Amino acid sequence: MRPHNALRPLQVATHTRPHLPSSSPSPWLHQTRSSTAHGPATIPVRLLKHLDTYGKQGSIVPIPAGQMRNKFFPARLATYLSPTERKSVLSAPHPPERDTLFSRYAFHMRERAAAKQARKALVEEAQDKLVEKLIIAEVAPDRAIGLLQALLPAHLDFPRAPVDAVPDAPASANVPATAAASSSGPIPIYGSVSAGDVVAVVKAAVVHNEEAARIPLTSRDVRFLGVAGGDDLKHLKHLGEYDVEISVRGAGEVVRRVVRVVPRAVVVEA
C-alpha cells in the first residue's frame, strides 16, 4: 500500500489541433493571394523613355503594379493610363506586351539612319525643284544672244590706274585708250580687268530687262581676243582696247564688243 503523501507523476495537459482532411492544405502553413481580391498582377502603363527589353517611348506595356508604384512611376520611366485609355486597352482583342528584344542603341541607330535618309530626300527634292526652276527661268540660247546684241553698248570701259600715272592727273575716259600707249610699249596698270569684271558690267547693263536678266553668264563665257605682252584670255593688265567675245552655252553665235582699259586719276594723300 502506497503512502498517502507519496509523489504522483506529473501530468502535463496537451492541446491538439482540429483534424483537417489531408486534401485541404493547412491555413497555418500556406498563405495565398488572389488576383481578383487584390487587383491584377500587371497593369498597362505608358513608357516615358526608351527602356531595354520593354519598348520605345510612348509604348503601352504591362508592368507589375508594385514595380510601377515603387520604381517606374517615381523614376518617371512610365505613367499611368487614364481610365478611358485603360478601358480601351483592356477591351482590345490583343493585350499589350513587352518588347523583350528592344534595344535603345539599335533603336537610336535606326532613327539616325531614317533621319539621314529623310534629310537626303529633302535635299534631292530641293535640288530637283531648283533645277526645274532654272530650266523654266532660263532664256533660250539664241534668244539670249539677240538680247545681248541689242542691249550691250559698243564699248565697255574700265578705268584703271596706270603704274606710271602722275598724281592728280585728270581722268581720260573719253580719250581713246590706244593714245595712252607710249612709244615704249603698253602701259601697265594696277590690278587687272578680268573676265569676271566683264560679266559684272554686262549684267549691270541688262539688269533692267526682265528677260535678259535671267541669262546665265559666268567668267567661263568671256574671252579676250588678240592679247599679248603679259595679258591672257581672262585678264588684261595694260591700258588699251581689246576685243572681247561673250558666248552663251548652246548658242550658235557669239557677241563681240570692245573693252577699253582707260587711265584713271591717281590721288595721293598728303
C-alpha atoms as a PDB file:
ATOM      1  CA  MET A   1       0.000   0.000   0.000  1.00  0.00           C
ATOM      2  CA  ARG A   2       1.367   3.403  -1.114  1.00  0.00           C
ATOM      3  CA  PRO A   3       1.608   6.158   1.427  1.00  0.00           C
ATOM      4  CA  HIS A   4      -0.915   8.945   1.188  1.00  0.00           C
ATOM      5  CA  ASN A   5       1.665  11.658   0.717  1.00  0.00           C
ATOM      6  CA  ALA A   6       3.688   9.847  -1.966  1.00  0.00           C
ATOM      7  CA  LEU A   7       4.610  11.856  -5.017  1.00  0.00           C
ATOM      8  CA  ARG A   8       2.497  11.299  -8.062  1.00  0.00           C
ATOM      9  CA  PRO A   9       3.812  11.512 -11.636  1.00  0.00           C
ATOM     10  CA  LEU A  10       3.484  14.998 -13.173  1.00  0.00           C
ATOM     11  CA  GLN A  11       0.751  15.097 -15.759  1.00  0.00           C
ATOM     12  CA  VAL A  12       1.058  17.768 -18.486  1.00  0.00           C
ATOM     13  CA  ALA A  13      -2.051  18.909 -20.269  1.00  0.00           C
ATOM     14  CA  THR A  14      -1.778  18.791 -24.056  1.00  0.00           C
ATOM     15  CA  HIS A  15      -3.939  20.546 -26.631  1.00  0.00           C
ATOM     16  CA  THR A  16      -4.495  19.018 -30.019  1.00  0.00           C
ATOM     17  CA  ARG A  17      -5.359  20.890 -33.216  1.00  0.00           C
ATOM     18  CA  PRO A  18      -8.521  20.011 -35.023  1.00  0.00           C
ATOM     19  CA  HIS A  19      -8.100  17.306 -37.589  1.00  0.00           C
ATOM     20  CA  LEU A  20      -8.256  18.540 -41.180  1.00  0.00           C
ATOM     21  CA  PRO A  21      -8.715  16.396 -44.222  1.00  0.00           C
ATOM     22  CA  SER A  22      -5.491  15.620 -45.992  1.00  0.00           C
ATOM     23  CA  SER A  23      -6.876  17.020 -49.243  1.00  0.00           C
ATOM     24  CA  SER A  24      -7.075  20.612 -47.902  1.00  0.00           C
ATOM     25  CA  PRO A  25      -3.801  22.360 -47.002  1.00  0.00           C
ATOM     26  CA  SER A  26      -3.390  23.816 -43.580  1.00  0.00           C
ATOM     27  CA  PRO A  27      -4.219  27.551 -43.402  1.00  0.00           C
ATOM     28  CA  TRP A  28      -1.337  27.970 -40.905  1.00  0.00           C
ATOM     29  CA  LEU A  29       1.228  26.605 -43.327  1.00  0.00           C
ATOM     30  CA  HIS A  30       0.220  28.332 -46.596  1.00  0.00           C
ATOM     31  CA  GLN A  31      -0.813  31.878 -47.477  1.00  0.00           C
ATOM     32  CA  THR A  32      -2.323  32.555 -50.876  1.00  0.00           C
ATOM     33  CA  ARG A  33      -3.191  35.797 -52.691  1.00  0.00           C
ATOM     34  CA  SER A  34      -5.905  36.072 -55.210  1.00  0.00           C
ATOM     35  CA  SER A  35      -5.503  38.440 -58.152  1.00  0.00           C
ATOM     36  CA  THR A  36      -9.231  39.101 -58.082  1.00  0.00           C
ATOM     37  CA  ALA A  37      -9.168  40.144 -54.452  1.00  0.00           C
ATOM     38  CA  HIS A  38      -6.019  42.313 -54.556  1.00  0.00           C
ATOM     39  CA  GLY A  39      -6.076  43.518 -58.165  1.00  0.00           C
ATOM     40  CA  PRO A  40      -4.401  42.172 -61.345  1.00  0.00           C
ATOM     41  CA  ALA A  41      -0.780  41.023 -61.331  1.00  0.00           C
ATOM     42  CA  THR A  42       0.163  43.591 -64.034  1.00  0.00           C
ATOM     43  CA  ILE A  43      -1.305  46.878 -65.231  1.00  0.00           C
ATOM     44  CA  PRO A  44      -0.918  48.596 -68.610  1.00  0.00           C
ATOM     45  CA  VAL A  45       1.216  51.746 -68.453  1.00  0.00           C
ATOM     46  CA  ARG A  46       2.778  54.121 -70.962  1.00  0.00           C
ATOM     47  CA  LEU A  47       6.576  54.332 -71.144  1.00  0.00           C
ATOM     48  CA  LEU A  48       8.074  57.811 -70.848  1.00  0.00           C
ATOM     49  CA  LYS A  49      11.524  56.703 -72.025  1.00  0.00           C
ATOM     50  CA  HIS A  50      13.115  54.063 -74.191  1.00  0.00           C
ATOM     51  CA  LEU A  51      13.723  51.028 -71.978  1.00  0.00           C
ATOM     52  CA  ASP A  52      15.688  47.963 -72.941  1.00  0.00           C
ATOM     53  CA  THR A  53      13.585  44.781 -73.044  1.00  0.00           C
ATOM     54  CA  TYR A  54      10.405  46.859 -72.503  1.00  0.00           C
ATOM     55  CA  GLY A  55       9.894  49.062 -75.553  1.00  0.00           C
ATOM     56  CA  LYS A  56      10.293  52.524 -77.008  1.00  0.00           C
ATOM     57  CA  GLN A  57       8.968  55.739 -75.568  1.00  0.00           C
ATOM     58  CA  GLY A  58       5.187  56.015 -75.802  1.00  0.00           C
ATOM     59  CA  SER A  59       4.578  52.272 -75.937  1.00  0.00           C
ATOM     60  CA  ILE A  60       1.927  50.711 -73.696  1.00  0.00           C
ATOM     61  CA  VAL A  61       3.322  47.698 -71.861  1.00  0.00           C
ATOM     62  CA  PRO A  62       2.211  45.573 -68.902  1.00  0.00           C
ATOM     63  CA  ILE A  63       4.177  46.121 -65.686  1.00  0.00           C
ATOM     64  CA  PRO A  64       3.606  44.643 -62.216  1.00  0.00           C
ATOM     65  CA  ALA A  65       1.643  47.088 -60.122  1.00  0.00           C
ATOM     66  CA  GLY A  66       4.225  47.018 -57.329  1.00  0.00           C
ATOM     67  CA  GLN A  67       7.116  47.805 -59.656  1.00  0.00           C
ATOM     68  CA  MET A  68       5.100  50.602 -61.228  1.00  0.00           C
ATOM     69  CA  ARG A  69       4.309  52.096 -57.848  1.00  0.00           C
ATOM     70  CA  ASN A  70       7.784  51.750 -56.332  1.00  0.00           C
ATOM     71  CA  LYS A  71      10.148  52.067 -59.306  1.00  0.00           C
ATOM     72  CA  PHE A  72       8.807  53.110 -62.694  1.00  0.00           C
ATOM     73  CA  PHE A  73       6.484  55.926 -61.640  1.00  0.00           C
ATOM     74  CA  PRO A  74       8.826  57.621 -59.093  1.00  0.00           C
ATOM     75  CA  ALA A  75      11.717  57.461 -61.593  1.00  0.00           C
ATOM     76  CA  ARG A  76       9.468  58.895 -64.334  1.00  0.00           C
ATOM     77  CA  LEU A  77      10.046  55.893 -66.521  1.00  0.00           C
ATOM     78  CA  ALA A  78       6.337  55.284 -67.064  1.00  0.00           C
ATOM     79  CA  THR A  79       2.995  56.891 -66.325  1.00  0.00           C
ATOM     80  CA  TYR A  80      -0.456  55.560 -65.548  1.00  0.00           C
ATOM     81  CA  LEU A  81      -3.137  55.474 -68.197  1.00  0.00           C
ATOM     82  CA  SER A  82      -6.327  57.442 -67.869  1.00  0.00           C
ATOM     83  CA  PRO A  83      -9.461  55.419 -67.083  1.00  0.00           C
ATOM     84  CA  THR A  84     -10.650  55.784 -70.659  1.00  0.00           C
ATOM     85  CA  GLU A  85      -7.309  54.644 -72.082  1.00  0.00           C
ATOM     86  CA  ARG A  86      -7.065  51.750 -69.685  1.00  0.00           C
ATOM     87  CA  LYS A  87     -10.577  50.601 -70.528  1.00  0.00           C
ATOM     88  CA  SER A  88      -9.779  50.777 -74.231  1.00  0.00           C
ATOM     89  CA  VAL A  89      -6.545  48.791 -73.781  1.00  0.00           C
ATOM     90  CA  LEU A  90      -8.152  46.112 -71.620  1.00  0.00           C
ATOM     91  CA  SER A  91     -11.038  45.687 -74.053  1.00  0.00           C
ATOM     92  CA  ALA A  92      -8.708  45.267 -77.047  1.00  0.00           C
ATOM     93  CA  PRO A  93      -8.597  41.774 -78.597  1.00  0.00           C
ATOM     94  CA  HIS A  94      -4.831  41.564 -78.047  1.00  0.00           C
ATOM     95  CA  PRO A  95      -3.406  42.669 -74.700  1.00  0.00           C
ATOM     96  CA  PRO A  96      -0.256  44.826 -74.683  1.00  0.00           C
ATOM     97  CA  GLU A  97       3.059  43.007 -74.474  1.00  0.00           C
ATOM     98  CA  ARG A  98       6.639  43.888 -73.648  1.00  0.00           C
ATOM     99  CA  ASP A  99       9.156  44.098 -76.453  1.00  0.00           C
ATOM    100  CA  THR A 100      11.800  41.915 -74.872  1.00  0.00           C
ATOM    101  CA  LEU A 101      14.071  42.321 -77.912  1.00  0.00           C
ATOM    102  CA  PHE A 102      14.011  46.115 -77.823  1.00  0.00           C
ATOM    103  CA  SER A 103      17.420  47.818 -77.596  1.00  0.00           C
ATOM    104  CA  ARG A 104      17.907  51.558 -77.151  1.00  0.00           C
ATOM    105  CA  TYR A 105      21.170  51.511 -79.096  1.00  0.00           C
ATOM    106  CA  ALA A 106      19.682  49.699 -82.063  1.00  0.00           C
ATOM    107  CA  PHE A 107      16.633  51.977 -81.956  1.00  0.00           C
ATOM    108  CA  HIS A 108      18.768  55.133 -81.998  1.00  0.00           C
ATOM    109  CA  MET A 109      20.829  53.765 -84.868  1.00  0.00           C
ATOM    110  CA  ARG A 110      17.673  53.074 -86.861  1.00  0.00           C
ATOM    111  CA  GLU A 111      16.350  56.548 -86.018  1.00  0.00           C
ATOM    112  CA  ARG A 112      19.606  58.170 -87.163  1.00  0.00           C
ATOM    113  CA  ALA A 113      19.573  56.210 -90.401  1.00  0.00           C
ATOM    114  CA  ALA A 114      15.942  57.175 -91.038  1.00  0.00           C
ATOM    115  CA  ALA A 115      16.655  60.848 -90.283  1.00  0.00           C
ATOM    116  CA  LYS A 116      19.670  60.804 -92.601  1.00  0.00           C
ATOM    117  CA  GLN A 117      17.588  59.276 -95.355  1.00  0.00           C
ATOM    118  CA  ALA A 118      14.858  61.861 -94.815  1.00  0.00           C
ATOM    119  CA  ARG A 119      17.382  64.729 -94.998  1.00  0.00           C
ATOM    120  CA  LYS A 120      18.836  63.257 -98.183  1.00  0.00           C
ATOM    121  CA  ALA A 121      15.379  63.033 -99.710  1.00  0.00           C
ATOM    122  CA  LEU A 122      14.660  66.677 -98.805  1.00  0.00           C
ATOM    123  CA  VAL A 123      17.950  67.828-100.344  1.00  0.00           C
ATOM    124  CA  GLU A 124      17.290  65.877-103.527  1.00  0.00           C
ATOM    125  CA  GLU A 125      13.766  67.292-103.727  1.00  0.00           C
ATOM    126  CA  ALA A 126      15.073  70.845-103.234  1.00  0.00           C
ATOM    127  CA  GLN A 127      17.723  70.309-105.917  1.00  0.00           C
ATOM    128  CA  ASP A 128      15.129  68.953-108.348  1.00  0.00           C
ATOM    129  CA  LYS A 129      12.898  71.974-107.744  1.00  0.00           C
ATOM    130  CA  LEU A 130      15.838  74.344-108.217  1.00  0.00           C
ATOM    131  CA  VAL A 131      16.868  72.694-111.481  1.00  0.00           C
ATOM    132  CA  GLU A 132      13.264  72.781-112.679  1.00  0.00           C
ATOM    133  CA  LYS A 133      13.027  76.455-111.743  1.00  0.00           C
ATOM    134  CA  LEU A 134      16.258  77.271-113.559  1.00  0.00           C
ATOM    135  CA  ILE A 135      15.145  75.395-116.641  1.00  0.00           C
ATOM    136  CA  ILE A 136      11.865  77.289-116.670  1.00  0.00           C
ATOM    137  CA  ALA A 137      13.514  80.659-115.998  1.00  0.00           C
ATOM    138  CA  GLU A 138      16.471  80.206-118.345  1.00  0.00           C
ATOM    139  CA  VAL A 139      16.352  82.091-121.641  1.00  0.00           C
ATOM    140  CA  ALA A 140      16.820  80.161-124.877  1.00  0.00           C
ATOM    141  CA  PRO A 141      20.454  80.467-126.080  1.00  0.00           C
ATOM    142  CA  ASP A 142      19.717  82.115-129.427  1.00  0.00           C
ATOM    143  CA  ARG A 143      17.260  84.488-127.778  1.00  0.00           C
ATOM    144  CA  ALA A 144      19.910  85.389-125.195  1.00  0.00           C
ATOM    145  CA  ILE A 145      22.400  86.275-127.945  1.00  0.00           C
ATOM    146  CA  GLY A 146      19.824  88.547-129.567  1.00  0.00           C
ATOM    147  CA  LEU A 147      19.126  90.336-126.288  1.00  0.00           C
ATOM    148  CA  LEU A 148      22.820  90.908-125.597  1.00  0.00           C
ATOM    149  CA  GLN A 149      23.368  92.238-129.109  1.00  0.00           C
ATOM    150  CA  ALA A 150      20.541  94.731-128.621  1.00  0.00           C
ATOM    151  CA  LEU A 151      21.240  95.856-125.062  1.00  0.00           C
ATOM    152  CA  LEU A 152      25.031  95.992-124.744  1.00  0.00           C
ATOM    153  CA  PRO A 153      26.883  99.187-125.766  1.00  0.00           C
ATOM    154  CA  ALA A 154      29.602  99.024-128.398  1.00  0.00           C
ATOM    155  CA  HIS A 155      32.338  99.798-125.880  1.00  0.00           C
ATOM    156  CA  LEU A 156      32.776  98.555-122.311  1.00  0.00           C
ATOM    157  CA  ASP A 157      35.024 100.997-120.435  1.00  0.00           C
ATOM    158  CA  PHE A 158      37.135 100.038-117.408  1.00  0.00           C
ATOM    159  CA  PRO A 159      39.072 102.886-115.724  1.00  0.00           C
ATOM    160  CA  ARG A 160      42.312 101.694-114.152  1.00  0.00           C
ATOM    161  CA  ALA A 161      45.246 103.495-112.595  1.00  0.00           C
ATOM    162  CA  PRO A 162      48.412 103.218-114.718  1.00  0.00           C
ATOM    163  CA  VAL A 163      51.571 102.284-112.929  1.00  0.00           C
ATOM    164  CA  ASP A 164      53.434 105.421-114.128  1.00  0.00           C
ATOM    165  CA  ALA A 165      50.471 107.777-113.660  1.00  0.00           C
ATOM    166  CA  VAL A 166      51.045 111.315-112.438  1.00  0.00           C
ATOM    167  CA  PRO A 167      49.228 112.037-109.143  1.00  0.00           C
ATOM    168  CA  ASP A 168      46.038 114.101-109.501  1.00  0.00           C
ATOM    169  CA  ALA A 169      46.095 113.669-113.283  1.00  0.00           C
ATOM    170  CA  PRO A 170      42.619 114.116-114.808  1.00  0.00           C
ATOM    171  CA  ALA A 171      40.691 111.055-115.848  1.00  0.00           C
ATOM    172  CA  SER A 172      40.791 110.406-119.565  1.00  0.00           C
ATOM    173  CA  ALA A 173      37.860 108.090-120.041  1.00  0.00           C
ATOM    174  CA  ASN A 174      36.910 109.935-123.237  1.00  0.00           C
ATOM    175  CA  VAL A 175      40.398 109.625-124.714  1.00  0.00           C
ATOM    176  CA  PRO A 176      40.958 106.556-126.871  1.00  0.00           C
ATOM    177  CA  ALA A 177      42.911 104.003-124.920  1.00  0.00           C
ATOM    178  CA  THR A 178      45.264 103.464-127.822  1.00  0.00           C
ATOM    179  CA  ALA A 179      46.532 107.008-127.311  1.00  0.00           C
ATOM    180  CA  ALA A 180      47.590 106.096-123.788  1.00  0.00           C
ATOM    181  CA  ALA A 181      50.208 103.752-125.065  1.00  0.00           C
ATOM    182  CA  SER A 182      53.619 105.346-125.381  1.00  0.00           C
ATOM    183  CA  SER A 183      56.359 104.571-127.843  1.00  0.00           C
ATOM    184  CA  SER A 184      57.958 102.374-125.227  1.00  0.00           C
ATOM    185  CA  GLY A 185      55.024  99.942-125.333  1.00  0.00           C
ATOM    186  CA  PRO A 186      51.747  99.251-123.463  1.00  0.00           C
ATOM    187  CA  ILE A 187      51.395 100.967-120.096  1.00  0.00           C
ATOM    188  CA  PRO A 188      50.800  98.531-117.225  1.00  0.00           C
ATOM    189  CA  ILE A 189      48.002  99.135-114.744  1.00  0.00           C
ATOM    190  CA  TYR A 190      47.447  98.458-111.072  1.00  0.00           C
ATOM    191  CA  GLY A 191      45.410  95.298-110.785  1.00  0.00           C
ATOM    192  CA  SER A 192      43.731  93.956-113.903  1.00  0.00           C
ATOM    193  CA  VAL A 193      40.484  93.700-115.823  1.00  0.00           C
ATOM    194  CA  SER A 194      39.230  90.135-115.545  1.00  0.00           C
ATOM    195  CA  ALA A 195      36.560  88.138-117.318  1.00  0.00           C
ATOM    196  CA  GLY A 196      34.537  88.351-114.118  1.00  0.00           C
ATOM    197  CA  ASP A 197      34.667  92.163-114.338  1.00  0.00           C
ATOM    198  CA  VAL A 198      33.216  91.980-117.850  1.00  0.00           C
ATOM    199  CA  VAL A 199      30.418  89.681-116.649  1.00  0.00           C
ATOM    200  CA  ALA A 200      29.548  92.179-113.887  1.00  0.00           C
ATOM    201  CA  VAL A 201      29.363  95.067-116.375  1.00  0.00           C
ATOM    202  CA  VAL A 202      27.249  93.007-118.784  1.00  0.00           C
ATOM    203  CA  LYS A 203      24.789  92.029-116.067  1.00  0.00           C
ATOM    204  CA  ALA A 204      24.553  95.642-114.882  1.00  0.00           C
ATOM    205  CA  ALA A 205      23.782  96.740-118.449  1.00  0.00           C
ATOM    206  CA  VAL A 206      20.896  94.271-118.906  1.00  0.00           C
ATOM    207  CA  VAL A 207      19.528  94.177-115.364  1.00  0.00           C
ATOM    208  CA  HIS A 208      16.551  96.376-116.265  1.00  0.00           C
ATOM    209  CA  ASN A 209      15.338  93.897-118.863  1.00  0.00           C
ATOM    210  CA  GLU A 210      13.468  91.087-117.084  1.00  0.00           C
ATOM    211  CA  GLU A 211      14.204  88.515-119.743  1.00  0.00           C
ATOM    212  CA  ALA A 212      17.856  89.433-120.285  1.00  0.00           C
ATOM    213  CA  ALA A 213      18.496  89.494-116.544  1.00  0.00           C
ATOM    214  CA  ARG A 214      17.885  85.713-116.485  1.00  0.00           C
ATOM    215  CA  ILE A 215      20.683  84.952-118.955  1.00  0.00           C
ATOM    216  CA  PRO A 216      23.181  82.666-117.163  1.00  0.00           C
ATOM    217  CA  LEU A 217      26.667  84.150-117.629  1.00  0.00           C
ATOM    218  CA  THR A 218      29.911  83.254-115.884  1.00  0.00           C
ATOM    219  CA  SER A 219      33.561  84.151-116.365  1.00  0.00           C
ATOM    220  CA  ARG A 220      33.930  80.993-118.465  1.00  0.00           C
ATOM    221  CA  ASP A 221      31.682  82.604-121.094  1.00  0.00           C
ATOM    222  CA  VAL A 222      34.044  85.594-121.620  1.00  0.00           C
ATOM    223  CA  ARG A 223      37.260  85.522-123.644  1.00  0.00           C
ATOM    224  CA  PHE A 224      39.626  88.334-124.623  1.00  0.00           C
ATOM    225  CA  LEU A 225      40.957  88.267-128.186  1.00  0.00           C
ATOM    226  CA  GLY A 226      44.281  89.402-129.599  1.00  0.00           C
ATOM    227  CA  VAL A 227      46.035  89.692-126.237  1.00  0.00           C
ATOM    228  CA  ALA A 228      49.817  89.781-125.831  1.00  0.00           C
ATOM    229  CA  GLY A 229      52.565  91.216-123.669  1.00  0.00           C
ATOM    230  CA  GLY A 230      51.554  89.728-120.334  1.00  0.00           C
ATOM    231  CA  ASP A 231      47.787  89.708-120.927  1.00  0.00           C
ATOM    232  CA  ASP A 232      45.844  86.481-121.305  1.00  0.00           C
ATOM    233  CA  LEU A 233      42.402  85.281-122.326  1.00  0.00           C
ATOM    234  CA  LYS A 234      40.934  86.013-118.882  1.00  0.00           C
ATOM    235  CA  HIS A 235      42.964  89.012-117.590  1.00  0.00           C
ATOM    236  CA  LEU A 236      44.033  92.365-119.066  1.00  0.00           C
ATOM    237  CA  LYS A 237      46.946  94.103-117.359  1.00  0.00           C
ATOM    238  CA  HIS A 238      47.652  97.052-119.663  1.00  0.00           C
ATOM    239  CA  LEU A 239      45.874 100.108-120.968  1.00  0.00           C
ATOM    240  CA  GLY A 240      44.402  99.692-124.422  1.00  0.00           C
ATOM    241  CA  GLU A 241      41.494  98.446-126.481  1.00  0.00           C
ATOM    242  CA  TYR A 242      40.725  94.763-126.679  1.00  0.00           C
ATOM    243  CA  ASP A 243      38.127  92.720-128.495  1.00  0.00           C
ATOM    244  CA  VAL A 244      36.047  90.543-126.172  1.00  0.00           C
ATOM    245  CA  GLU A 245      33.895  87.584-127.081  1.00  0.00           C
ATOM    246  CA  ILE A 246      30.803  86.798-124.975  1.00  0.00           C
ATOM    247  CA  SER A 247      29.202  83.420-125.562  1.00  0.00           C
ATOM    248  CA  VAL A 248      26.050  81.738-124.306  1.00  0.00           C
ATOM    249  CA  ARG A 249      26.121  77.993-123.845  1.00  0.00           C
ATOM    250  CA  GLY A 250      24.088  76.302-126.546  1.00  0.00           C
ATOM    251  CA  ALA A 251      24.012  79.271-128.914  1.00  0.00           C
ATOM    252  CA  GLY A 252      25.449  79.109-132.398  1.00  0.00           C
ATOM    253  CA  GLU A 253      26.744  82.704-132.378  1.00  0.00           C
ATOM    254  CA  VAL A 254      28.690  84.948-130.028  1.00  0.00           C
ATOM    255  CA  VAL A 255      28.552  88.617-129.070  1.00  0.00           C
ATOM    256  CA  ARG A 256      31.641  90.731-129.734  1.00  0.00           C
ATOM    257  CA  ARG A 257      32.349  94.037-128.092  1.00  0.00           C
ATOM    258  CA  VAL A 258      35.349  96.282-127.449  1.00  0.00           C
ATOM    259  CA  VAL A 259      36.785  96.537-123.928  1.00  0.00           C
ATOM    260  CA  ARG A 260      38.621  99.813-123.304  1.00  0.00           C
ATOM    261  CA  VAL A 261      41.017  99.924-120.350  1.00  0.00           C
ATOM    262  CA  VAL A 262      41.416 103.681-119.861  1.00  0.00           C
ATOM    263  CA  PRO A 263      43.632 105.599-117.412  1.00  0.00           C
ATOM    264  CA  ARG A 264      42.111 106.778-114.186  1.00  0.00           C
ATOM    265  CA  ALA A 265      43.367 109.627-111.997  1.00  0.00           C
ATOM    266  CA  VAL A 266      45.550 108.633-109.054  1.00  0.00           C
ATOM    267  CA  VAL A 267      45.048 110.647-105.877  1.00  0.00           C
ATOM    268  CA  VAL A 268      47.976 110.700-103.452  1.00  0.00           C
ATOM    269  CA  GLU A 269      47.207 111.573 -99.860  1.00  0.00           C
ATOM    270  CA  ALA A 270      49.277 114.380 -98.335  1.00  0.00           C
END
